[in-house]
Amino acid sequence: PPRALFSASLLRPRAFAAPLACATAQAEALLGPRLRKWLGSSLEAERRKQIALAKEAEAARSAERLAEWATLVVANLWQIDDRATSAVVEDWNNGGAKVKLSFAGGQGTPREQADAAFAKARR
């Protein structure tokens, strides 16, 4: 019979343990700093994405609140004087609850302020 191409000692797990450990240590020494740098930059990019998404979500909530305020103003313009600094109206989206609307003095009529709020909410 032909002689085995590999000695039986090479097929035992212990025969590869020392060279494998040495190769792993060398790979760790060469790749470790690169991998740590890559992982650190990836984690930082992920953190920046999360912050950006949180800001975007807050901006969307703020725009929604602004649009709701402007809608209340427009829906109740018939009872709001052009020179009013505030008005109490019923919000039928909240079961008819009374809501106090405040207007900035010197920034136009309530209608103009509502139009500006709609424009800002659309951005």
Foldseek 3Di string as FASTA:
>chain_A
DDDDPDDPVCVDPVVCVVVVVVVVVVCCVVCVVVVVVVVVVVVVVVVVVVVVVVVVVVLLVVLVVLLLLLVQCVVPVVPDDQQDQKDWFFDVVVVRDIDIRGDDPPPGGSNNSSVVSNVSSVD
